[in-house]
Amino acid sequence: MVFRILDSSAFYAGIPFRDSNEFYTTSLIFDEIKHIKKNHDAINILLETNRLKISDPDSEFLEKVRNESKKTGDFNELSKQDISVIALCAQLDGELITDDFAISNVAKNLNLRVAPLMTSGIKDVGSWVYYCPGCRKNFESGLECPLCGTSLKRKLIKQNNI
C-alpha cells in the first residue's frame, strides 16, 4: 500500500474531495486547510470516513528534513508545515502530492516519491547557491555580496535530471 501524503495545495486543488483513496496529512497542514469547504462539512466527512488521516512525524524525521533542506538551500523557502509534510512522507515511505518546488526538491533529494498536481512537476533536482552577478562569487546564503555589496541572486546547481 502506498501512503499518499497531501500538502495544502492538494486540498486547494480538491484532490481528496474527488477521490475515494485514503490520504494522510499533518496537524499543521490540517490547521491550514480546515476552513476549505467548511459550509459543506467536507473535511469532517473525510475524517469520519477514514479517507483522511492526521498524523505527525517523529522528531528524527523532522530533523532529517531540516538538515537536507539546509544542504539544498531550500530551508528558508519552507514553512514548518512544509517540513512536517515532507517528514511524514519520509516516515511513512509514501508519495507526496504537491506542486511546491521547494518541497519537491527536498523530497526528491531524500529519494522520496513526489506526484505533481496541476503541473508536470520539477525537472531538475539540486542545491541552491547564492551568487553575485557583479564579482561572480558564490555564497551559501545572504542578500548582499560581502565583497562588493551587490544584491545576491539564487540559482539551482543541478545534481541530475529526473
Protein backbone atom coordinates (compact mmCIF):
# COMPACT_ATOMS: atom_id res chain seq x y z
CA MET A 1 0.00 0.00 0.00
CA VAL A 2 1.33 3.41 -0.96
CA PHE A 3 0.66 6.11 1.60
CA ARG A 4 -0.38 9.33 -0.12
CA ILE A 5 0.60 12.44 1.80
CA LEU A 6 -1.03 15.76 0.93
CA ASP A 7 0.35 19.24 1.31
CA SER A 8 -2.06 22.18 1.47
CA SER A 9 -2.03 22.75 -2.31
CA ALA A 10 -3.58 19.29 -2.81
CA PHE A 11 -6.57 20.33 -0.69
CA TYR A 12 -6.95 23.60 -2.58
CA ALA A 13 -6.88 21.60 -5.82
CA GLY A 14 -9.67 19.39 -4.46
CA ILE A 15 -7.73 16.11 -4.62
CA PRO A 16 -9.18 14.38 -1.53
CA PHE A 17 -12.72 15.53 -2.28
CA ARG A 18 -12.95 13.80 -5.65
CA ASP A 19 -11.03 10.62 -4.86
CA SER A 20 -12.00 7.66 -2.73
CA ASN A 21 -8.39 6.83 -1.76
CA GLU A 22 -7.01 7.19 1.73
CA PHE A 23 -4.79 10.23 2.34
CA TYR A 24 -2.53 11.47 5.11
CA THR A 25 -1.52 14.92 6.22
CA THR A 26 -0.06 16.54 9.32
CA SER A 27 -1.86 18.52 12.02
CA LEU A 28 -0.02 21.66 10.88
CA ILE A 29 -1.35 21.26 7.33
CA PHE A 30 -4.79 20.38 8.70
CA ASP A 31 -4.86 23.63 10.70
CA GLU A 32 -4.05 25.48 7.48
CA ILE A 33 -6.80 23.88 5.37
CA LYS A 34 -9.66 23.04 7.76
CA HIS A 35 -11.66 26.03 6.50
CA ILE A 36 -11.89 24.58 2.97
CA LYS A 37 -15.43 23.57 2.03
CA LYS A 38 -16.44 24.30 5.62
CA ASN A 39 -20.02 25.03 4.58
CA HIS A 40 -20.26 21.51 3.14
CA ASP A 41 -18.51 19.88 6.13
CA ALA A 42 -16.32 18.12 3.57
CA ILE A 43 -13.18 17.90 5.73
CA ASN A 44 -15.12 16.28 8.59
CA ILE A 45 -16.65 13.78 6.17
CA LEU A 46 -13.14 12.83 5.00
CA LEU A 47 -12.10 12.32 8.62
CA GLU A 48 -15.24 10.37 9.60
CA THR A 49 -14.92 8.01 6.64
CA ASN A 50 -11.18 7.47 7.31
CA ARG A 51 -10.27 8.87 3.90
CA LEU A 52 -8.14 11.49 5.64
CA LYS A 53 -5.81 10.64 8.49
CA ILE A 54 -3.95 13.21 10.52
CA SER A 55 -0.51 12.09 11.67
CA ASP A 56 2.56 13.96 12.83
CA PRO A 57 6.09 12.79 12.05
CA ASP A 58 8.62 11.82 14.70
CA SER A 59 11.23 14.41 15.61
CA GLU A 60 14.03 12.42 13.97
CA PHE A 61 12.30 12.76 10.57
CA LEU A 62 11.71 16.49 11.12
CA GLU A 63 15.40 16.91 11.87
CA LYS A 64 16.36 14.87 8.80
CA VAL A 65 14.23 17.15 6.58
CA ARG A 66 15.59 20.33 8.19
CA ASN A 67 19.16 19.13 7.62
CA GLU A 68 18.51 18.17 3.99
CA SER A 69 16.70 21.46 3.28
CA LYS A 70 19.71 23.35 4.64
CA LYS A 71 22.01 21.32 2.34
CA THR A 72 19.85 22.06 -0.70
CA GLY A 73 19.37 25.73 0.22
CA ASP A 74 15.59 25.37 0.46
CA PHE A 75 15.33 25.78 4.25
CA ASN A 76 14.37 29.47 4.14
CA GLU A 77 11.73 28.74 1.50
CA LEU A 78 9.95 26.10 3.61
CA SER A 79 7.37 26.69 6.32
CA LYS A 80 7.07 24.44 9.37
CA GLN A 81 4.00 22.95 7.63
CA ASP A 82 6.11 22.11 4.57
CA ILE A 83 8.80 20.49 6.70
CA SER A 84 6.19 18.46 8.58
CA VAL A 85 4.62 17.04 5.42
CA ILE A 86 7.99 16.07 3.90
CA ALA A 87 8.95 14.42 7.21
CA LEU A 88 5.68 12.47 7.31
CA CYS A 89 6.30 11.27 3.77
CA ALA A 90 9.79 10.12 4.77
CA GLN A 91 8.48 8.36 7.87
CA LEU A 92 5.68 6.55 6.04
CA ASP A 93 7.79 5.96 2.91
CA GLY A 94 4.89 7.40 0.99
CA GLU A 95 4.17 9.52 -2.03
CA LEU A 96 3.97 13.26 -1.53
CA ILE A 97 1.36 15.08 -3.56
CA THR A 98 2.44 18.68 -4.16
CA ASP A 99 3.23 21.31 -6.76
CA ASP A 100 5.58 23.25 -4.49
CA PHE A 101 9.10 23.39 -5.96
CA ALA A 102 10.99 23.68 -2.64
CA ILE A 103 9.02 20.80 -1.11
CA SER A 104 9.59 18.69 -4.23
CA ASN A 105 13.30 19.48 -4.38
CA VAL A 106 13.93 18.49 -0.75
CA ALA A 107 11.74 15.38 -1.06
CA LYS A 108 13.48 14.26 -4.24
CA ASN A 109 16.88 14.85 -2.64
CA LEU A 110 15.70 12.49 0.12
CA ASN A 111 14.73 9.95 -2.59
CA LEU A 112 11.02 10.28 -1.82
CA ARG A 113 8.27 9.83 -4.41
CA VAL A 114 6.59 13.07 -5.46
CA ALA A 115 3.44 13.36 -7.56
CA PRO A 116 2.62 16.77 -9.04
CA LEU A 117 -0.94 18.10 -9.02
CA MET A 118 -1.55 20.60 -11.78
CA THR A 119 1.94 20.90 -13.24
CA SER A 120 4.32 18.47 -14.86
CA GLY A 121 6.45 18.55 -11.70
CA ILE A 122 10.03 19.59 -11.24
CA LYS A 123 12.51 18.63 -13.92
CA ASP A 124 15.77 19.27 -12.10
CA VAL A 125 16.86 18.43 -8.58
CA GLY A 126 19.77 20.12 -6.91
CA SER A 127 21.06 22.61 -4.41
CA TRP A 128 20.61 26.36 -4.40
CA VAL A 129 23.58 28.67 -4.35
CA TYR A 130 23.63 32.42 -3.98
CA TYR A 131 25.86 34.28 -6.39
CA CYS A 132 26.96 37.80 -7.01
CA PRO A 133 26.32 38.96 -10.58
CA GLY A 134 28.92 41.69 -10.02
CA CYS A 135 32.02 39.81 -8.89
CA ARG A 136 30.76 36.33 -9.85
CA LYS A 137 31.43 34.73 -6.46
CA ASN A 138 29.19 32.03 -4.94
CA PHE A 139 27.89 32.08 -1.37
CA GLU A 140 25.81 29.69 0.76
CA SER A 141 23.35 32.39 1.81
CA GLY A 142 22.80 36.11 2.11
CA LEU A 143 21.08 39.03 0.48
CA GLU A 144 24.09 41.16 -0.37
CA CYS A 145 27.60 40.33 -1.58
CA PRO A 146 30.03 40.75 1.32
CA LEU A 147 32.76 41.68 -1.17
CA CYS A 148 31.15 44.32 -3.39
CA GLY A 149 27.68 44.99 -1.92
CA THR A 150 25.69 43.85 -4.99
CA SER A 151 22.36 42.09 -4.33
CA LEU A 152 22.82 38.33 -4.50
CA LYS A 153 20.79 36.15 -6.85
CA ARG A 154 19.91 32.50 -6.42
CA LYS A 155 20.43 29.65 -8.90
CA LEU A 156 19.94 25.90 -8.81
CA ILE A 157 23.03 23.75 -9.19
CA LYS A 158 21.57 20.65 -10.82
CA GLN A 159 22.51 17.26 -9.42
CA ASN A 160 20.71 15.19 -12.01
CA ASN A 161 17.68 15.13 -14.23
CA ILE A 162 14.66 13.18 -13.03
